Amino acid sequence: MRKNSTYSILLLGLLGLGLLFSCSTEKNTWLNRGYHNMTARFNGYHNATVLTDEALDAWAEGYTENFYKILDPLLLPNELEAAGLYPALDTAIAKCEKVIYRHSMPNPQNVTNKSEEHCRWIDDNWLRIGQNHYIKHELDLAEEKLRYVVDAYNGEESVYEARLWLARTYIRMGRLPEAKKELAAAKKAMDRTAEKKDGDKDSGSKRKKSKYARQKEKQRKKEAKKDAPADFPKRLFNDYHVVMAEYFIASKEYKKGAESLEEALLATRNRKEKARYMYVLAQLYHESGNGDQASYYYNKVAHSPAPYDMQFQAKI
């Protein structure tokens, strides 16, 4: 019995020491990374995202659409409406800022000319902050935070999402050439990812290689991956086409806007998103003089899971 107690005490002591050392942001060990990754992900990014989504959902439930203008493909509050969401959005921003301050590895306050980040959820927290400033219509702050993600985390997936939100920010600012530049950079990454996957398929279809050749190929790919930028994630395909549609709507190029939104319609599986895209498509085709396509999509919306007021307006 005494022997088991001794083992228990030793085990608890080791666990305590592990937790103590895991609080360090200066030692790049698997234990430290695991602790700070978990905390940055859930205490910051996840909780902030839940807060933001809940606030937006509550606002959307009482929102009345203005069907006398072309609807925004992404439903967000205007500047006046966003003021009612400030408490939730500010709390979400504060959570992310706290995580960045406490869990960056290494802590930028202790390191000059920081060149790398070992906690892989810090960039996502910066991204959430930038998105929330956009929702609040604090466009200068949104641009600053999103630009930081693009410049500081080159090669990470978060850069592509930041570029799309940065393009969205420039569209709202009326700075369309800069929005176009960010969208072009995102498209380039999409094309590069597609070419890479096509190349992998081609190499996989060739005759069977020897074990040595396969090992060499695996090592070559592993070394190349270290410095290569991340692939453009499939989950952002829909977002890219939606922001492209927003850009063309702002430019009053309604036919091109419809073409982009058609791509978004193919990319999303969300039924409510599909219904909204179809309504906007009907408006865009109407504005570009294509009555047949406008009627087609209005009819689709009338028999979709769209909100009742949107269905009713589509029938009219």
Protein backbone atom coordinates (compact mmCIF):
# COMPACT_ATOMS: atom_id res chain seq x y z
CA MET A 1 0.00 0.00 0.00
CA ARG A 2 2.83 2.35 0.94
CA LYS A 3 4.62 1.50 -2.35
CA ASN A 4 1.55 2.46 -4.40
CA SER A 5 1.23 5.72 -2.46
CA THR A 6 4.84 6.56 -3.23
CA TYR A 7 4.28 5.93 -6.96
CA SER A 8 1.17 8.12 -6.87
CA ILE A 9 3.04 10.96 -5.22
CA LEU A 10 5.88 10.70 -7.73
CA LEU A 11 3.39 10.65 -10.63
CA LEU A 12 1.56 13.70 -9.31
CA GLY A 13 4.87 15.46 -8.82
CA LEU A 14 5.93 14.75 -12.39
CA LEU A 15 2.56 15.93 -13.72
CA GLY A 16 2.86 19.09 -11.65
CA LEU A 17 6.34 19.76 -13.02
CA GLY A 18 5.07 19.12 -16.55
CA LEU A 19 2.28 21.63 -16.14
CA LEU A 20 4.69 24.13 -14.60
CA PHE A 21 7.12 23.90 -17.50
CA SER A 22 4.30 23.82 -20.05
CA CYS A 23 3.51 27.42 -19.12
CA SER A 24 6.79 28.56 -20.62
CA THR A 25 6.53 30.24 -24.00
CA GLU A 26 10.30 30.31 -24.50
CA LYS A 27 11.02 26.57 -24.67
CA ASN A 28 9.96 24.97 -27.94
CA THR A 29 9.15 21.46 -26.66
CA TRP A 30 6.22 19.22 -27.63
CA LEU A 31 4.72 19.62 -24.15
CA ASN A 32 4.86 23.41 -24.29
CA ARG A 33 3.51 23.51 -27.85
CA GLY A 34 0.67 21.16 -26.93
CA TYR A 35 -0.37 23.26 -23.95
CA HIS A 36 -0.23 26.61 -25.73
CA ASN A 37 -1.83 25.25 -28.93
CA MET A 38 -4.77 23.84 -26.97
CA THR A 39 -5.26 27.01 -24.93
CA ALA A 40 -4.89 29.35 -27.91
CA ARG A 41 -7.34 27.28 -29.92
CA PHE A 42 -10.13 26.86 -27.36
CA ASN A 43 -9.76 29.75 -24.89
CA GLY A 44 -9.21 32.23 -27.71
CA TYR A 45 -10.16 31.40 -31.28
CA HIS A 46 -12.96 28.87 -30.61
CA ASN A 47 -14.67 30.81 -27.80
CA ALA A 48 -14.36 34.08 -29.75
CA THR A 49 -15.86 32.48 -32.85
CA VAL A 50 -18.80 31.05 -30.87
CA LEU A 51 -19.45 34.47 -29.29
CA THR A 52 -19.35 36.16 -32.69
CA ASP A 53 -21.57 33.58 -34.41
CA GLU A 54 -24.16 33.68 -31.62
CA ALA A 55 -24.32 37.49 -31.77
CA LEU A 56 -24.72 37.45 -35.56
CA ASP A 57 -27.38 34.71 -35.42
CA ALA A 58 -29.40 36.66 -32.83
CA TRP A 59 -29.19 39.81 -34.96
CA ALA A 60 -30.16 37.96 -38.16
CA GLU A 61 -33.31 36.54 -36.55
CA GLY A 62 -34.80 40.03 -36.22
CA TYR A 63 -33.39 41.47 -39.44
CA THR A 64 -35.66 42.67 -42.25
CA GLU A 65 -34.20 42.59 -45.76
CA ASN A 66 -34.36 45.56 -48.10
CA PHE A 67 -35.45 43.89 -51.34
CA TYR A 68 -35.36 47.17 -53.27
CA LYS A 69 -31.58 46.85 -53.62
CA ILE A 70 -29.24 44.02 -54.61
CA LEU A 71 -28.73 41.95 -51.49
CA ASP A 72 -25.26 41.31 -50.12
CA PRO A 73 -24.26 37.66 -50.72
CA LEU A 74 -22.95 37.56 -47.14
CA LEU A 75 -25.50 38.86 -44.63
CA LEU A 76 -23.83 41.16 -42.10
CA PRO A 77 -25.10 44.18 -40.11
CA ASN A 78 -24.66 47.72 -41.38
CA GLU A 79 -22.72 50.24 -39.30
CA LEU A 80 -25.72 51.30 -37.20
CA GLU A 81 -26.91 47.73 -36.58
CA ALA A 82 -23.40 46.55 -35.70
CA ALA A 83 -23.36 48.89 -32.68
CA GLY A 84 -25.77 46.54 -30.90
CA LEU A 85 -23.26 43.70 -31.26
CA TYR A 86 -20.31 45.60 -29.79
CA PRO A 87 -20.35 43.92 -26.33
CA ALA A 88 -20.08 40.40 -27.81
CA LEU A 89 -17.62 41.40 -30.54
CA ASP A 90 -15.39 43.31 -28.11
CA THR A 91 -15.37 40.38 -25.69
CA ALA A 92 -14.35 38.07 -28.54
CA ILE A 93 -11.54 40.45 -29.54
CA ALA A 94 -10.35 40.67 -25.91
CA LYS A 95 -10.21 36.86 -25.63
CA CYS A 96 -8.04 36.63 -28.74
CA GLU A 97 -5.76 39.47 -27.63
CA LYS A 98 -5.28 37.78 -24.24
CA VAL A 99 -4.33 34.51 -25.93
CA ILE A 100 -1.85 36.26 -28.25
CA TYR A 101 -0.24 38.02 -25.26
CA ARG A 102 0.01 34.89 -23.11
CA HIS A 103 0.55 32.04 -25.56
CA SER A 104 2.70 33.28 -28.47
CA MET A 105 5.86 31.15 -28.73
CA PRO A 106 8.20 32.82 -28.16
CA ASN A 107 6.58 35.82 -26.52
CA PRO A 108 7.31 38.81 -28.81
CA GLN A 109 7.88 41.01 -25.75
CA ASN A 110 10.88 38.87 -24.81
CA VAL A 111 12.33 38.42 -28.31
CA THR A 112 13.55 41.04 -30.74
CA ASN A 113 13.06 40.48 -34.49
CA LYS A 114 10.79 37.47 -33.94
CA SER A 115 10.91 35.39 -37.12
CA GLU A 116 8.79 32.33 -36.33
CA GLU A 117 5.77 31.25 -34.31
CA HIS A 118 5.62 27.82 -32.66
CA CYS A 119 2.02 28.13 -31.43
CA ARG A 120 0.01 27.35 -34.57
CA TRP A 121 -3.26 28.98 -33.43
CA ILE A 122 -1.89 32.50 -32.91
CA ASP A 123 -2.45 33.50 -36.56
CA ASP A 124 -6.07 32.33 -36.32
CA ASN A 125 -6.58 34.59 -33.30
CA TRP A 126 -5.20 37.56 -35.25
CA LEU A 127 -7.56 36.63 -38.10
CA ARG A 128 -10.59 36.53 -35.77
CA ILE A 129 -9.67 39.99 -34.44
CA GLY A 130 -9.48 41.38 -37.99
CA GLN A 131 -12.81 39.81 -38.95
CA ASN A 132 -14.53 41.25 -35.89
CA HIS A 133 -13.20 44.75 -36.61
CA TYR A 134 -14.67 44.37 -40.11
CA ILE A 135 -18.06 43.36 -38.69
CA LYS A 136 -17.89 46.41 -36.40
CA HIS A 137 -17.14 48.60 -39.46
CA GLU A 138 -13.78 49.57 -37.93
CA LEU A 139 -12.17 49.29 -41.32
CA ASP A 140 -8.76 50.82 -40.56
CA LEU A 141 -8.27 48.36 -37.69
CA ALA A 142 -9.56 45.48 -39.82
CA GLU A 143 -7.06 46.35 -42.56
CA GLU A 144 -4.22 46.60 -40.03
CA LYS A 145 -4.86 43.20 -38.40
CA LEU A 146 -5.60 41.34 -41.63
CA ARG A 147 -2.56 42.81 -43.35
CA TYR A 148 -0.47 41.67 -40.38
CA VAL A 149 -1.64 38.05 -40.89
CA VAL A 150 -0.79 38.22 -44.60
CA ASP A 151 2.69 39.66 -43.97
CA ALA A 152 3.68 37.78 -40.80
CA TYR A 153 2.36 34.29 -41.54
CA ASN A 154 3.36 33.81 -45.17
CA GLY A 155 2.77 30.22 -46.21
CA GLU A 156 0.00 29.46 -43.68
CA GLU A 157 -3.61 28.69 -44.64
CA SER A 158 -4.76 31.68 -42.58
CA VAL A 159 -3.09 34.00 -45.11
CA TYR A 160 -5.62 33.04 -47.81
CA GLU A 161 -8.60 33.69 -45.55
CA ALA A 162 -7.02 36.97 -44.43
CA ARG A 163 -6.59 38.03 -48.07
CA LEU A 164 -10.28 37.39 -48.77
CA TRP A 165 -11.36 39.45 -45.76
CA LEU A 166 -8.84 42.12 -46.68
CA ALA A 167 -10.38 42.26 -50.18
CA ARG A 168 -13.79 42.54 -48.53
CA THR A 169 -12.47 45.41 -46.39
CA TYR A 170 -11.11 47.27 -49.42
CA ILE A 171 -14.44 46.78 -51.24
CA ARG A 172 -16.28 48.37 -48.33
CA MET A 173 -13.72 51.20 -48.31
CA GLY A 174 -14.24 51.74 -52.05
CA ARG A 175 -10.61 50.84 -52.77
CA LEU A 176 -11.43 48.40 -55.56
CA PRO A 177 -7.96 48.16 -57.21
CA GLU A 178 -6.50 46.97 -53.90
CA ALA A 179 -9.35 44.50 -53.46
CA LYS A 180 -8.66 43.16 -56.95
CA LYS A 181 -4.99 42.68 -56.08
CA GLU A 182 -5.81 40.57 -53.00
CA LEU A 183 -8.29 38.47 -54.97
CA ALA A 184 -5.70 37.93 -57.70
CA ALA A 185 -3.20 36.67 -55.10
CA ALA A 186 -5.82 34.26 -53.72
CA LYS A 187 -6.62 33.01 -57.25
CA LYS A 188 -2.93 32.43 -57.93
CA ALA A 189 -2.74 30.24 -54.82
CA MET A 190 -5.87 28.34 -55.91
CA ASP A 191 -4.37 27.67 -59.34
CA ARG A 192 -1.03 26.60 -57.85
CA THR A 193 -2.80 24.13 -55.55
CA ALA A 194 -4.83 22.72 -58.45
CA GLU A 195 -1.70 22.26 -60.58
CA LYS A 196 0.10 20.56 -57.70
CA LYS A 197 -2.75 18.09 -57.18
CA ASP A 198 -2.92 17.35 -60.90
CA GLY A 199 0.84 16.69 -60.85
CA ASP A 200 0.47 14.31 -57.89
CA LYS A 201 -2.25 12.39 -59.75
CA ASP A 202 -0.07 12.09 -62.84
CA SER A 203 2.94 10.83 -60.86
CA GLY A 204 0.75 8.33 -59.02
CA SER A 205 -0.59 6.89 -62.26
CA LYS A 206 2.84 5.97 -63.62
CA ARG A 207 4.31 2.47 -63.42
CA LYS A 208 5.16 1.11 -60.00
CA LYS A 209 8.48 2.40 -58.64
CA SER A 210 11.08 0.47 -56.70
CA LYS A 211 11.12 0.72 -52.90
CA TYR A 212 14.29 2.86 -53.05
CA ALA A 213 12.74 5.24 -55.61
CA ARG A 214 9.59 5.58 -53.49
CA GLN A 215 11.66 6.42 -50.40
CA LYS A 216 13.66 9.03 -52.31
CA GLU A 217 10.46 10.56 -53.69
CA LYS A 218 8.92 10.66 -50.21
CA GLN A 219 12.02 12.36 -48.79
CA ARG A 220 12.08 14.88 -51.64
CA LYS A 221 8.43 15.81 -51.07
CA LYS A 222 9.01 16.11 -47.33
CA GLU A 223 11.94 18.51 -47.82
CA ALA A 224 10.05 20.55 -50.43
CA LYS A 225 7.04 20.85 -48.12
CA LYS A 226 9.10 22.60 -45.42
CA ASP A 227 9.50 25.80 -47.44
CA ALA A 228 6.42 25.50 -49.67
CA PRO A 229 3.32 27.57 -48.93
CA ALA A 230 0.24 25.76 -47.70
CA ASP A 231 -2.30 24.55 -50.24
CA PHE A 232 -5.33 26.77 -50.79
CA PRO A 233 -7.95 25.01 -48.62
CA LYS A 234 -11.07 23.63 -50.27
CA ARG A 235 -13.25 25.18 -47.54
CA LEU A 236 -12.35 28.65 -48.90
CA PHE A 237 -13.44 28.01 -52.51
CA ASN A 238 -16.96 29.22 -51.73
CA ASP A 239 -15.62 32.29 -49.87
CA TYR A 240 -13.38 33.24 -52.78
CA HIS A 241 -16.24 33.21 -55.30
CA VAL A 242 -18.54 35.12 -52.92
CA VAL A 243 -15.97 37.89 -52.43
CA MET A 244 -15.40 37.99 -56.21
CA ALA A 245 -19.16 38.47 -56.63
CA GLU A 246 -19.06 41.27 -54.04
CA TYR A 247 -16.25 42.92 -55.99
CA PHE A 248 -18.17 42.78 -59.30
CA ILE A 249 -21.37 44.04 -57.64
CA ALA A 250 -19.46 47.00 -56.22
CA SER A 251 -18.01 47.57 -59.72
CA LYS A 252 -21.56 47.29 -61.20
CA GLU A 253 -20.37 44.45 -63.44
CA TYR A 254 -23.49 42.40 -62.77
CA LYS A 255 -22.96 39.74 -65.43
CA LYS A 256 -19.51 38.87 -64.04
CA GLY A 257 -20.93 39.00 -60.53
CA ALA A 258 -23.52 36.40 -61.53
CA GLU A 259 -20.81 34.16 -63.00
CA SER A 260 -18.86 34.28 -59.72
CA LEU A 261 -21.96 33.61 -57.63
CA GLU A 262 -22.82 30.62 -59.85
CA GLU A 263 -19.44 29.17 -58.80
CA ALA A 264 -20.22 29.89 -55.14
CA LEU A 265 -23.56 28.14 -55.55
CA LEU A 266 -21.73 25.02 -56.75
CA ALA A 267 -19.17 25.22 -53.93
CA THR A 268 -21.51 25.49 -50.93
CA ARG A 269 -23.57 22.73 -49.36
CA ASN A 270 -25.42 25.03 -46.95
CA ARG A 271 -29.09 25.17 -48.01
CA LYS A 272 -29.72 28.65 -46.58
CA GLU A 273 -26.61 30.00 -48.31
CA LYS A 274 -27.78 28.43 -51.57
CA ALA A 275 -31.18 30.13 -51.24
CA ARG A 276 -29.59 33.52 -50.62
CA TYR A 277 -27.15 33.13 -53.52
CA MET A 278 -30.01 32.18 -55.83
CA TYR A 279 -31.98 35.29 -54.88
CA VAL A 280 -28.95 37.51 -55.49
CA LEU A 281 -28.36 35.67 -58.78
CA ALA A 282 -31.93 36.46 -59.83
CA GLN A 283 -31.31 40.15 -59.06
CA LEU A 284 -28.01 40.19 -60.93
CA TYR A 285 -29.48 38.50 -64.01
CA HIS A 286 -32.39 40.96 -63.90
CA GLU A 287 -29.95 43.91 -63.78
CA SER A 288 -27.89 42.47 -66.66
CA GLY A 289 -31.00 42.00 -68.84
CA ASN A 290 -31.28 38.21 -68.65
CA GLY A 291 -34.95 37.82 -67.75
CA ASP A 292 -35.09 34.06 -68.31
CA GLN A 293 -32.32 33.32 -65.81
CA ALA A 294 -33.77 35.84 -63.36
CA SER A 295 -37.16 34.07 -63.51
CA TYR A 296 -35.48 30.67 -63.17
CA TYR A 297 -33.73 31.63 -59.94
CA TYR A 298 -36.71 33.50 -58.46
CA ASN A 299 -38.71 30.32 -58.97
CA LYS A 300 -35.96 28.25 -57.32
CA VAL A 301 -35.97 30.58 -54.29
CA ALA A 302 -39.78 30.37 -54.00
CA HIS A 303 -39.44 26.59 -53.50
CA SER A 304 -36.31 26.69 -51.30
CA PRO A 305 -35.72 26.84 -47.51
CA ALA A 306 -35.28 30.62 -47.78
CA PRO A 307 -36.86 32.86 -45.12
CA TYR A 308 -40.58 33.45 -45.71
CA ASP A 309 -40.19 37.12 -46.70
CA MET A 310 -37.58 36.15 -49.32
CA GLN A 311 -39.82 33.38 -50.71
CA PHE A 312 -42.75 35.80 -50.84
CA GLN A 313 -40.71 38.46 -52.61
CA ALA A 314 -39.41 35.86 -55.11
CA LYS A 315 -43.00 34.85 -55.99
CA ILE A 316 -43.87 38.50 -56.65
